[in-house]
Amino acid sequence: YGDAIERKAPGTANLVLDISAVAQLDL
């Protein structure tokens, strides 16, 4: 996703990521 954002790939102009249950869920 970061690479796509950096190259301004189509669809990334208003792309965000929510970080729900990322740091607090131990797989």
mmCIF file of all heavy atoms, coordinates in Angstrom:
data_MODEL
# 
_entry.id   MODEL 
# 
loop_
_atom_site.group_PDB 
_atom_site.id 
_atom_site.type_symbol 
_atom_site.label_atom_id 
_atom_site.label_alt_id 
_atom_site.label_comp_id 
_atom_site.label_asym_id 
_atom_site.label_entity_id 
_atom_site.label_seq_id 
_atom_site.pdbx_PDB_ins_code 
_atom_site.Cartn_x 
_atom_site.Cartn_y 
_atom_site.Cartn_z 
_atom_site.occupancy 
_atom_site.B_iso_or_equiv 
_atom_site.pdbx_formal_charge 
_atom_site.auth_seq_id 
_atom_site.auth_comp_id 
_atom_site.auth_asym_id 
_atom_site.auth_atom_id 
_atom_site.pdbx_PDB_model_num 
ATOM 1   N N   . TYR A 1 1  ? 0.845   -1.206  0.000   1.00 0.00 ? 1  TYR A N   1 
ATOM 2   C CA  . TYR A 1 1  ? 0.000   0.000   0.000   1.00 0.00 ? 1  TYR A CA  1 
ATOM 3   C C   . TYR A 1 1  ? 0.875   1.249   0.000   1.00 0.00 ? 1  TYR A C   1 
ATOM 4   O O   . TYR A 1 1  ? 0.585   2.233   -0.697  1.00 0.00 ? 1  TYR A O   1 
ATOM 5   C CB  . TYR A 1 1  ? -0.922  0.009   1.220   1.00 0.00 ? 1  TYR A CB  1 
ATOM 6   C CG  . TYR A 1 1  ? -2.085  -0.947  1.123   1.00 0.00 ? 1  TYR A CG  1 
ATOM 7   C CD1 . TYR A 1 1  ? -2.266  -1.954  2.079   1.00 0.00 ? 1  TYR A CD1 1 
ATOM 8   C CD2 . TYR A 1 1  ? -3.006  -0.857  0.092   1.00 0.00 ? 1  TYR A CD2 1 
ATOM 9   C CE1 . TYR A 1 1  ? -3.328  -2.837  1.994   1.00 0.00 ? 1  TYR A CE1 1 
ATOM 10  C CE2 . TYR A 1 1  ? -4.074  -1.735  0.002   1.00 0.00 ? 1  TYR A CE2 1 
ATOM 11  C CZ  . TYR A 1 1  ? -4.225  -2.726  0.957   1.00 0.00 ? 1  TYR A CZ  1 
ATOM 12  O OH  . TYR A 1 1  ? -5.275  -3.600  0.866   1.00 0.00 ? 1  TYR A OH  1 
ATOM 13  N N   . GLY A 1 2  ? 1.938   1.226   0.787   1.00 0.00 ? 2  GLY A N   1 
ATOM 14  C CA  . GLY A 1 2  ? 2.832   2.371   0.839   1.00 0.00 ? 2  GLY A CA  1 
ATOM 15  C C   . GLY A 1 2  ? 3.472   2.648   -0.509  1.00 0.00 ? 2  GLY A C   1 
ATOM 16  O O   . GLY A 1 2  ? 3.584   3.804   -0.939  1.00 0.00 ? 2  GLY A O   1 
ATOM 17  N N   . ASP A 1 3  ? 3.912   1.594   -1.184  1.00 0.00 ? 3  ASP A N   1 
ATOM 18  C CA  . ASP A 1 3  ? 4.505   1.766   -2.512  1.00 0.00 ? 3  ASP A CA  1 
ATOM 19  C C   . ASP A 1 3  ? 3.491   2.363   -3.483  1.00 0.00 ? 3  ASP A C   1 
ATOM 20  O O   . ASP A 1 3  ? 3.841   3.237   -4.302  1.00 0.00 ? 3  ASP A O   1 
ATOM 21  C CB  . ASP A 1 3  ? 5.001   0.418   -3.045  1.00 0.00 ? 3  ASP A CB  1 
ATOM 22  C CG  . ASP A 1 3  ? 6.224   -0.101  -2.303  1.00 0.00 ? 3  ASP A CG  1 
ATOM 23  O OD1 . ASP A 1 3  ? 6.839   0.678   -1.538  1.00 0.00 ? 3  ASP A OD1 1 
ATOM 24  O OD2 . ASP A 1 3  ? 6.563   -1.289  -2.482  1.00 0.00 ? 3  ASP A OD2 1 
ATOM 25  N N   . ALA A 1 4  ? 2.235   1.886   -3.405  1.00 0.00 ? 4  ALA A N   1 
ATOM 26  C CA  . ALA A 1 4  ? 1.192   2.407   -4.298  1.00 0.00 ? 4  ALA A CA  1 
ATOM 27  C C   . ALA A 1 4  ? 0.917   3.881   -4.017  1.00 0.00 ? 4  ALA A C   1 
ATOM 28  O O   . ALA A 1 4  ? 0.744   4.683   -4.953  1.00 0.00 ? 4  ALA A O   1 
ATOM 29  C CB  . ALA A 1 4  ? -0.084  1.580   -4.138  1.00 0.00 ? 4  ALA A CB  1 
ATOM 30  N N   . ILE A 1 5  ? 0.883   4.245   -2.745  1.00 0.00 ? 5  ILE A N   1 
ATOM 31  C CA  . ILE A 1 5  ? 0.666   5.644   -2.377  1.00 0.00 ? 5  ILE A CA  1 
ATOM 32  C C   . ILE A 1 5  ? 1.821   6.514   -2.884  1.00 0.00 ? 5  ILE A C   1 
ATOM 33  O O   . ILE A 1 5  ? 1.609   7.602   -3.434  1.00 0.00 ? 5  ILE A O   1 
ATOM 34  C CB  . ILE A 1 5  ? 0.503   5.773   -0.850  1.00 0.00 ? 5  ILE A CB  1 
ATOM 35  C CG1 . ILE A 1 5  ? -0.830  5.155   -0.401  1.00 0.00 ? 5  ILE A CG1 1 
ATOM 36  C CG2 . ILE A 1 5  ? 0.580   7.237   -0.408  1.00 0.00 ? 5  ILE A CG2 1 
ATOM 37  C CD1 . ILE A 1 5  ? -0.945  4.968   1.102   1.00 0.00 ? 5  ILE A CD1 1 
ATOM 38  N N   . GLU A 1 6  ? 3.041   6.007   -2.723  1.00 0.00 ? 6  GLU A N   1 
ATOM 39  C CA  . GLU A 1 6  ? 4.217   6.792   -3.128  1.00 0.00 ? 6  GLU A CA  1 
ATOM 40  C C   . GLU A 1 6  ? 4.220   7.054   -4.628  1.00 0.00 ? 6  GLU A C   1 
ATOM 41  O O   . GLU A 1 6  ? 4.599   8.150   -5.070  1.00 0.00 ? 6  GLU A O   1 
ATOM 42  C CB  . GLU A 1 6  ? 5.489   6.057   -2.715  1.00 0.00 ? 6  GLU A CB  1 
ATOM 43  C CG  . GLU A 1 6  ? 6.757   6.844   -3.000  1.00 0.00 ? 6  GLU A CG  1 
ATOM 44  C CD  . GLU A 1 6  ? 7.997   6.155   -2.492  1.00 0.00 ? 6  GLU A CD  1 
ATOM 45  O OE1 . GLU A 1 6  ? 7.933   4.947   -2.171  1.00 0.00 ? 6  GLU A OE1 1 
ATOM 46  O OE2 . GLU A 1 6  ? 9.054   6.821   -2.423  1.00 0.00 ? 6  GLU A OE2 1 
ATOM 47  N N   . ARG A 1 7  ? 3.793   6.080   -5.424  1.00 0.00 ? 7  ARG A N   1 
ATOM 48  C CA  . ARG A 1 7  ? 3.793   6.279   -6.876  1.00 0.00 ? 7  ARG A CA  1 
ATOM 49  C C   . ARG A 1 7  ? 2.484   6.894   -7.374  1.00 0.00 ? 7  ARG A C   1 
ATOM 50  O O   . ARG A 1 7  ? 2.270   7.023   -8.574  1.00 0.00 ? 7  ARG A O   1 
ATOM 51  C CB  . ARG A 1 7  ? 4.064   4.966   -7.598  1.00 0.00 ? 7  ARG A CB  1 
ATOM 52  C CG  . ARG A 1 7  ? 2.970   3.922   -7.524  1.00 0.00 ? 7  ARG A CG  1 
ATOM 53  C CD  . ARG A 1 7  ? 3.311   2.716   -8.403  1.00 0.00 ? 7  ARG A CD  1 
ATOM 54  N NE  . ARG A 1 7  ? 2.214   1.766   -8.490  1.00 0.00 ? 7  ARG A NE  1 
ATOM 55  C CZ  . ARG A 1 7  ? 2.036   0.729   -7.677  1.00 0.00 ? 7  ARG A CZ  1 
ATOM 56  N NH1 . ARG A 1 7  ? 2.931   0.515   -6.712  1.00 0.00 ? 7  ARG A NH1 1 
ATOM 57  N NH2 . ARG A 1 7  ? 0.997   -0.078  -7.825  1.00 0.00 ? 7  ARG A NH2 1 
ATOM 58  N N   . LYS A 1 8  ? 1.602   7.254   -6.405  1.00 0.00 ? 8  LYS A N   1 
ATOM 59  C CA  . LYS A 1 8  ? 0.319   7.882   -6.721  1.00 0.00 ? 8  LYS A CA  1 
ATOM 60  C C   . LYS A 1 8  ? -0.507  7.009   -7.660  1.00 0.00 ? 8  LYS A C   1 
ATOM 61  O O   . LYS A 1 8  ? -1.083  7.472   -8.646  1.00 0.00 ? 8  LYS A O   1 
ATOM 62  C CB  . LYS A 1 8  ? 0.523   9.274   -7.311  1.00 0.00 ? 8  LYS A CB  1 
ATOM 63  C CG  . LYS A 1 8  ? 1.217   10.236  -6.356  1.00 0.00 ? 8  LYS A CG  1 
ATOM 64  C CD  . LYS A 1 8  ? 1.363   11.626  -6.944  1.00 0.00 ? 8  LYS A CD  1 
ATOM 65  C CE  . LYS A 1 8  ? 2.048   12.561  -5.945  1.00 0.00 ? 8  LYS A CE  1 
ATOM 66  N NZ  . LYS A 1 8  ? 2.222   13.928  -6.484  1.00 0.00 ? 8  LYS A NZ  1 
ATOM 67  N N   . ALA A 1 9  ? -0.578  5.735   -7.319  1.00 0.00 ? 9  ALA A N   1 
ATOM 68  C CA  . ALA A 1 9  ? -1.336  4.780   -8.123  1.00 0.00 ? 9  ALA A CA  1 
ATOM 69  C C   . ALA A 1 9  ? -2.815  5.143   -8.121  1.00 0.00 ? 9  ALA A C   1 
ATOM 70  O O   . ALA A 1 9  ? -3.334  5.702   -7.151  1.00 0.00 ? 9  ALA A O   1 
ATOM 71  C CB  . ALA A 1 9  ? -1.151  3.372   -7.571  1.00 0.00 ? 9  ALA A CB  1 
ATOM 72  N N   . PRO A 1 10 ? -3.534  4.849   -9.204  1.00 0.00 ? 10 PRO A N   1 
ATOM 73  C CA  . PRO A 1 10 ? -4.976  5.133   -9.251  1.00 0.00 ? 10 PRO A CA  1 
ATOM 74  C C   . PRO A 1 10 ? -5.694  4.506   -8.067  1.00 0.00 ? 10 PRO A C   1 
ATOM 75  O O   . PRO A 1 10 ? -5.443  3.354   -7.705  1.00 0.00 ? 10 PRO A O   1 
ATOM 76  C CB  . PRO A 1 10 ? -5.411  4.492   -10.575 1.00 0.00 ? 10 PRO A CB  1 
ATOM 77  C CG  . PRO A 1 10 ? -4.179  4.488   -11.416 1.00 0.00 ? 10 PRO A CG  1 
ATOM 78  C CD  . PRO A 1 10 ? -3.043  4.249   -10.461 1.00 0.00 ? 10 PRO A CD  1 
ATOM 79  N N   . GLY A 1 11 ? -6.572  5.278   -7.463  1.00 0.00 ? 11 GLY A N   1 
ATOM 80  C CA  . GLY A 1 11 ? -7.346  4.799   -6.332  1.00 0.00 ? 11 GLY A CA  1 
ATOM 81  C C   . GLY A 1 11 ? -6.752  5.126   -4.983  1.00 0.00 ? 11 GLY A C   1 
ATOM 82  O O   . GLY A 1 11 ? -7.386  4.872   -3.949  1.00 0.00 ? 11 GLY A O   1 
ATOM 83  N N   . THR A 1 12 ? -5.542  5.683   -4.947  1.00 0.00 ? 12 THR A N   1 
ATOM 84  C CA  . THR A 1 12 ? -4.874  5.944   -3.663  1.00 0.00 ? 12 THR A CA  1 
ATOM 85  C C   . THR A 1 12 ? -4.968  7.395   -3.209  1.00 0.00 ? 12 THR A C   1 
ATOM 86  O O   . THR A 1 12 ? -4.461  7.725   -2.139  1.00 0.00 ? 12 THR A O   1 
ATOM 87  C CB  . THR A 1 12 ? -3.391  5.544   -3.718  1.00 0.00 ? 12 THR A CB  1 
ATOM 88  O OG1 . THR A 1 12 ? -2.712  6.361   -4.702  1.00 0.00 ? 12 THR A OG1 1 
ATOM 89  C CG2 . THR A 1 12 ? -3.232  4.080   -4.083  1.00 0.00 ? 12 THR A CG2 1 
ATOM 90  N N   . ALA A 1 13 ? -5.589  8.260   -3.983  1.00 0.00 ? 13 ALA A N   1 
ATOM 91  C CA  . ALA A 1 13 ? -5.625  9.685   -3.629  1.00 0.00 ? 13 ALA A CA  1 
ATOM 92  C C   . ALA A 1 13 ? -6.239  9.903   -2.260  1.00 0.00 ? 13 ALA A C   1 
ATOM 93  O O   . ALA A 1 13 ? -5.775  10.743  -1.476  1.00 0.00 ? 13 ALA A O   1 
ATOM 94  C CB  . ALA A 1 13 ? -6.392  10.467  -4.690  1.00 0.00 ? 13 ALA A CB  1 
ATOM 95  N N   . ASN A 1 14 ? -7.303  9.160   -1.949  1.00 0.00 ? 14 ASN A N   1 
ATOM 96  C CA  . ASN A 1 14 ? -7.995  9.297   -0.667  1.00 0.00 ? 14 ASN A CA  1 
ATOM 97  C C   . ASN A 1 14 ? -8.005  7.977   0.093   1.00 0.00 ? 14 ASN A C   1 
ATOM 98  O O   . ASN A 1 14 ? -8.986  7.638   0.764   1.00 0.00 ? 14 ASN A O   1 
ATOM 99  C CB  . ASN A 1 14 ? -9.419  9.813   -0.881  1.00 0.00 ? 14 ASN A CB  1 
ATOM 100 C CG  . ASN A 1 14 ? -9.454  11.299  -1.153  1.00 0.00 ? 14 ASN A CG  1 
ATOM 101 O OD1 . ASN A 1 14 ? -8.832  12.086  -0.436  1.00 0.00 ? 14 ASN A OD1 1 
ATOM 102 N ND2 . ASN A 1 14 ? -10.174 11.715  -2.187  1.00 0.00 ? 14 ASN A ND2 1 
ATOM 103 N N   . LEU A 1 15 ? -6.901  7.238   -0.009  1.00 0.00 ? 15 LEU A N   1 
ATOM 104 C CA  . LEU A 1 15 ? -6.768  5.951   0.681   1.00 0.00 ? 15 LEU A CA  1 
ATOM 105 C C   . LEU A 1 15 ? -6.199  6.152   2.079   1.00 0.00 ? 15 LEU A C   1 
ATOM 106 O O   . LEU A 1 15 ? -5.191  6.836   2.262   1.00 0.00 ? 15 LEU A O   1 
ATOM 107 C CB  . LEU A 1 15 ? -5.834  5.038   -0.111  1.00 0.00 ? 15 LEU A CB  1 
ATOM 108 C CG  . LEU A 1 15 ? -5.532  3.669   0.511   1.00 0.00 ? 15 LEU A CG  1 
ATOM 109 C CD1 . LEU A 1 15 ? -6.771  2.783   0.484   1.00 0.00 ? 15 LEU A CD1 1 
ATOM 110 C CD2 . LEU A 1 15 ? -4.370  2.993   -0.228  1.00 0.00 ? 15 LEU A CD2 1 
ATOM 111 N N   . VAL A 1 16 ? -6.860  5.561   3.084   1.00 0.00 ? 16 VAL A N   1 
ATOM 112 C CA  . VAL A 1 16 ? -6.345  5.521   4.448   1.00 0.00 ? 16 VAL A CA  1 
ATOM 113 C C   . VAL A 1 16 ? -6.491  4.108   4.984   1.00 0.00 ? 16 VAL A C   1 
ATOM 114 O O   . VAL A 1 16 ? -7.225  3.287   4.427   1.00 0.00 ? 16 VAL A O   1 
ATOM 115 C CB  . VAL A 1 16 ? -7.071  6.515   5.389   1.00 0.00 ? 16 VAL A CB  1 
ATOM 116 C CG1 . VAL A 1 16 ? -6.853  7.952   4.951   1.00 0.00 ? 16 VAL A CG1 1 
ATOM 117 C CG2 . VAL A 1 16 ? -8.559  6.189   5.489   1.00 0.00 ? 16 VAL A CG2 1 
ATOM 118 N N   . LEU A 1 17 ? -5.778  3.827   6.069   1.00 0.00 ? 17 LEU A N   1 
ATOM 119 C CA  . LEU A 1 17 ? -5.881  2.535   6.742   1.00 0.00 ? 17 LEU A CA  1 
ATOM 120 C C   . LEU A 1 17 ? -6.288  2.784   8.181   1.00 0.00 ? 17 LEU A C   1 
ATOM 121 O O   . LEU A 1 17 ? -5.708  3.633   8.857   1.00 0.00 ? 17 LEU A O   1 
ATOM 122 C CB  . LEU A 1 17 ? -4.555  1.780   6.706   1.00 0.00 ? 17 LEU A CB  1 
ATOM 123 C CG  . LEU A 1 17 ? -4.022  1.402   5.318   1.00 0.00 ? 17 LEU A CG  1 
ATOM 124 C CD1 . LEU A 1 17 ? -3.036  2.452   4.823   1.00 0.00 ? 17 LEU A CD1 1 
ATOM 125 C CD2 . LEU A 1 17 ? -3.373  0.019   5.337   1.00 0.00 ? 17 LEU A CD2 1 
ATOM 126 N N   . ASP A 1 18 ? -7.301  2.065   8.652   1.00 0.00 ? 18 ASP A N   1 
ATOM 127 C CA  . ASP A 1 18 ? -7.602  2.132   10.091  1.00 0.00 ? 18 ASP A CA  1 
ATOM 128 C C   . ASP A 1 18 ? -6.806  1.034   10.784  1.00 0.00 ? 18 ASP A C   1 
ATOM 129 O O   . ASP A 1 18 ? -6.529  -0.018  10.204  1.00 0.00 ? 18 ASP A O   1 
ATOM 130 C CB  . ASP A 1 18 ? -9.105  2.083   10.372  1.00 0.00 ? 18 ASP A CB  1 
ATOM 131 C CG  . ASP A 1 18 ? -9.758  0.702   10.338  1.00 0.00 ? 18 ASP A CG  1 
ATOM 132 O OD1 . ASP A 1 18 ? -9.196  -0.246  10.914  1.00 0.00 ? 18 ASP A OD1 1 
ATOM 133 O OD2 . ASP A 1 18 ? -10.860 0.582   9.755   1.00 0.00 ? 18 ASP A OD2 1 
ATOM 134 N N   . ILE A 1 19 ? -6.391  1.309   12.008  1.00 0.00 ? 19 ILE A N   1 
ATOM 135 C CA  . ILE A 1 19 ? -5.513  0.357   12.704  1.00 0.00 ? 19 ILE A CA  1 
ATOM 136 C C   . ILE A 1 19 ? -6.256  -0.332  13.852  1.00 0.00 ? 19 ILE A C   1 
ATOM 137 O O   . ILE A 1 19 ? -5.686  -0.628  14.894  1.00 0.00 ? 19 ILE A O   1 
ATOM 138 C CB  . ILE A 1 19 ? -4.200  1.010   13.171  1.00 0.00 ? 19 ILE A CB  1 
ATOM 139 C CG1 . ILE A 1 19 ? -4.454  2.280   13.986  1.00 0.00 ? 19 ILE A CG1 1 
ATOM 140 C CG2 . ILE A 1 19 ? -3.324  1.324   11.977  1.00 0.00 ? 19 ILE A CG2 1 
ATOM 141 C CD1 . ILE A 1 19 ? -3.174  2.862   14.586  1.00 0.00 ? 19 ILE A CD1 1 
ATOM 142 N N   . SER A 1 20 ? -7.527  -0.621  13.612  1.00 0.00 ? 20 SER A N   1 
ATOM 143 C CA  . SER A 1 20 ? -8.313  -1.337  14.613  1.00 0.00 ? 20 SER A CA  1 
ATOM 144 C C   . SER A 1 20 ? -7.766  -2.745  14.811  1.00 0.00 ? 20 SER A C   1 
ATOM 145 O O   . SER A 1 20 ? -7.492  -3.472  13.853  1.00 0.00 ? 20 SER A O   1 
ATOM 146 C CB  . SER A 1 20 ? -9.784  -1.405  14.178  1.00 0.00 ? 20 SER A CB  1 
ATOM 147 O OG  . SER A 1 20 ? -9.906  -2.036  12.918  1.00 0.00 ? 20 SER A OG  1 
ATOM 148 N N   . ALA A 1 21 ? -7.584  -3.128  16.091  1.00 0.00 ? 21 ALA A N   1 
ATOM 149 C CA  . ALA A 1 21 ? -7.175  -4.486  16.491  1.00 0.00 ? 21 ALA A CA  1 
ATOM 150 C C   . ALA A 1 21 ? -5.842  -4.912  15.892  1.00 0.00 ? 21 ALA A C   1 
ATOM 151 O O   . ALA A 1 21 ? -5.566  -6.097  15.757  1.00 0.00 ? 21 ALA A O   1 
ATOM 152 C CB  . ALA A 1 21 ? -8.258  -5.499  16.117  1.00 0.00 ? 21 ALA A CB  1 
ATOM 153 N N   . VAL A 1 22 ? -4.998  -3.950  15.537  1.00 0.00 ? 22 VAL A N   1 
ATOM 154 C CA  . VAL A 1 22 ? -3.677  -4.280  15.009  1.00 0.00 ? 22 VAL A CA  1 
ATOM 155 C C   . VAL A 1 22 ? -2.676  -4.473  16.149  1.00 0.00 ? 22 VAL A C   1 
ATOM 156 O O   . VAL A 1 22 ? -2.090  -5.535  16.309  1.00 0.00 ? 22 VAL A O   1 
ATOM 157 C CB  . VAL A 1 22 ? -3.189  -3.196  14.020  1.00 0.00 ? 22 VAL A CB  1 
ATOM 158 C CG1 . VAL A 1 22 ? -1.740  -3.445  13.621  1.00 0.00 ? 22 VAL A CG1 1 
ATOM 159 C CG2 . VAL A 1 22 ? -4.077  -3.178  12.782  1.00 0.00 ? 22 VAL A CG2 1 
ATOM 160 N N   . ALA A 1 23 ? -2.485  -3.434  16.959  1.00 0.00 ? 23 ALA A N   1 
ATOM 161 C CA  . ALA A 1 23 ? -1.479  -3.492  18.019  1.00 0.00 ? 23 ALA A CA  1 
ATOM 162 C C   . ALA A 1 23 ? -1.909  -4.344  19.204  1.00 0.00 ? 23 ALA A C   1 
ATOM 163 O O   . ALA A 1 23 ? -1.069  -4.851  19.944  1.00 0.00 ? 23 ALA A O   1 
ATOM 164 C CB  . ALA A 1 23 ? -1.148  -2.079  18.500  1.00 0.00 ? 23 ALA A CB  1 
ATOM 165 N N   . GLN A 1 24 ? -3.221  -4.522  19.375  1.00 0.00 ? 24 GLN A N   1 
ATOM 166 C CA  . GLN A 1 24 ? -3.712  -5.171  20.597  1.00 0.00 ? 24 GLN A CA  1 
ATOM 167 C C   . GLN A 1 24 ? -4.096  -6.632  20.429  1.00 0.00 ? 24 GLN A C   1 
ATOM 168 O O   . GLN A 1 24 ? -4.512  -7.270  21.392  1.00 0.00 ? 24 GLN A O   1 
ATOM 169 C CB  . GLN A 1 24 ? -4.914  -4.381  21.137  1.00 0.00 ? 24 GLN A CB  1 
ATOM 170 C CG  . GLN A 1 24 ? -4.537  -2.972  21.574  1.00 0.00 ? 24 GLN A CG  1 
ATOM 171 C CD  . GLN A 1 24 ? -5.699  -2.271  22.232  1.00 0.00 ? 24 GLN A CD  1 
ATOM 172 O OE1 . GLN A 1 24 ? -6.320  -2.798  23.154  1.00 0.00 ? 24 GLN A OE1 1 
ATOM 173 N NE2 . GLN A 1 24 ? -6.014  -1.075  21.768  1.00 0.00 ? 24 GLN A NE2 1 
ATOM 174 N N   . LEU A 1 25 ? -3.989  -7.167  19.223  1.00 0.00 ? 25 LEU A N   1 
ATOM 175 C CA  . LEU A 1 25 ? -4.340  -8.565  18.982  1.00 0.00 ? 25 LEU A CA  1 
ATOM 176 C C   . LEU A 1 25 ? -3.065  -9.344  18.690  1.00 0.00 ? 25 LEU A C   1 
ATOM 177 O O   . LEU A 1 25 ? -2.367  -9.065  17.710  1.00 0.00 ? 25 LEU A O   1 
ATOM 178 C CB  . LEU A 1 25 ? -5.316  -8.673  17.810  1.00 0.00 ? 25 LEU A CB  1 
ATOM 179 C CG  . LEU A 1 25 ? -5.945  -10.050 17.574  1.00 0.00 ? 25 LEU A CG  1 
ATOM 180 C CD1 . LEU A 1 25 ? -6.794  -10.477 18.765  1.00 0.00 ? 25 LEU A CD1 1 
ATOM 181 C CD2 . LEU A 1 25 ? -6.787  -10.038 16.302  1.00 0.00 ? 25 LEU A CD2 1 
ATOM 182 N N   . ASP A 1 26 ? -2.747  -10.301 19.551  1.00 0.00 ? 26 ASP A N   1 
ATOM 183 C CA  . ASP A 1 26 ? -1.540  -11.115 19.405  1.00 0.00 ? 26 ASP A CA  1 
ATOM 184 C C   . ASP A 1 26 ? -1.914  -12.404 18.684  1.00 0.00 ? 26 ASP A C   1 
ATOM 185 O O   . ASP A 1 26 ? -2.538  -13.300 19.260  1.00 0.00 ? 26 ASP A O   1 
ATOM 186 C CB  . ASP A 1 26 ? -0.948  -11.407 20.786  1.00 0.00 ? 26 ASP A CB  1 
ATOM 187 C CG  . ASP A 1 26 ? 0.391   -12.121 20.717  1.00 0.00 ? 26 ASP A CG  1 
ATOM 188 O OD1 . ASP A 1 26 ? 0.750   -12.613 19.626  1.00 0.00 ? 26 ASP A OD1 1 
ATOM 189 O OD2 . ASP A 1 26 ? 1.077   -12.198 21.758  1.00 0.00 ? 26 ASP A OD2 1 
ATOM 190 N N   . LEU A 1 27 ? -1.563  -12.510 17.420  1.00 0.00 ? 27 LEU A N   1 
ATOM 191 C CA  . LEU A 1 27 ? -1.955  -13.661 16.622  1.00 0.00 ? 27 LEU A CA  1 
ATOM 192 C C   . LEU A 1 27 ? -1.358  -14.960 17.138  1.00 0.00 ? 27 LEU A C   1 
ATOM 193 O O   . LEU A 1 27 ? -1.919  -16.040 16.920  1.00 0.00 ? 27 LEU A O   1 
ATOM 194 C CB  . LEU A 1 27 ? -1.538  -13.442 15.164  1.00 0.00 ? 27 LEU A CB  1 
ATOM 195 C CG  . LEU A 1 27 ? -2.216  -12.280 14.431  1.00 0.00 ? 27 LEU A CG  1 
ATOM 196 C CD1 . LEU A 1 27 ? -1.711  -12.194 12.996  1.00 0.00 ? 27 LEU A CD1 1 
ATOM 197 C CD2 . LEU A 1 27 ? -3.730  -12.417 14.453  1.00 0.00 ? 27 LEU A CD2 1 
# 
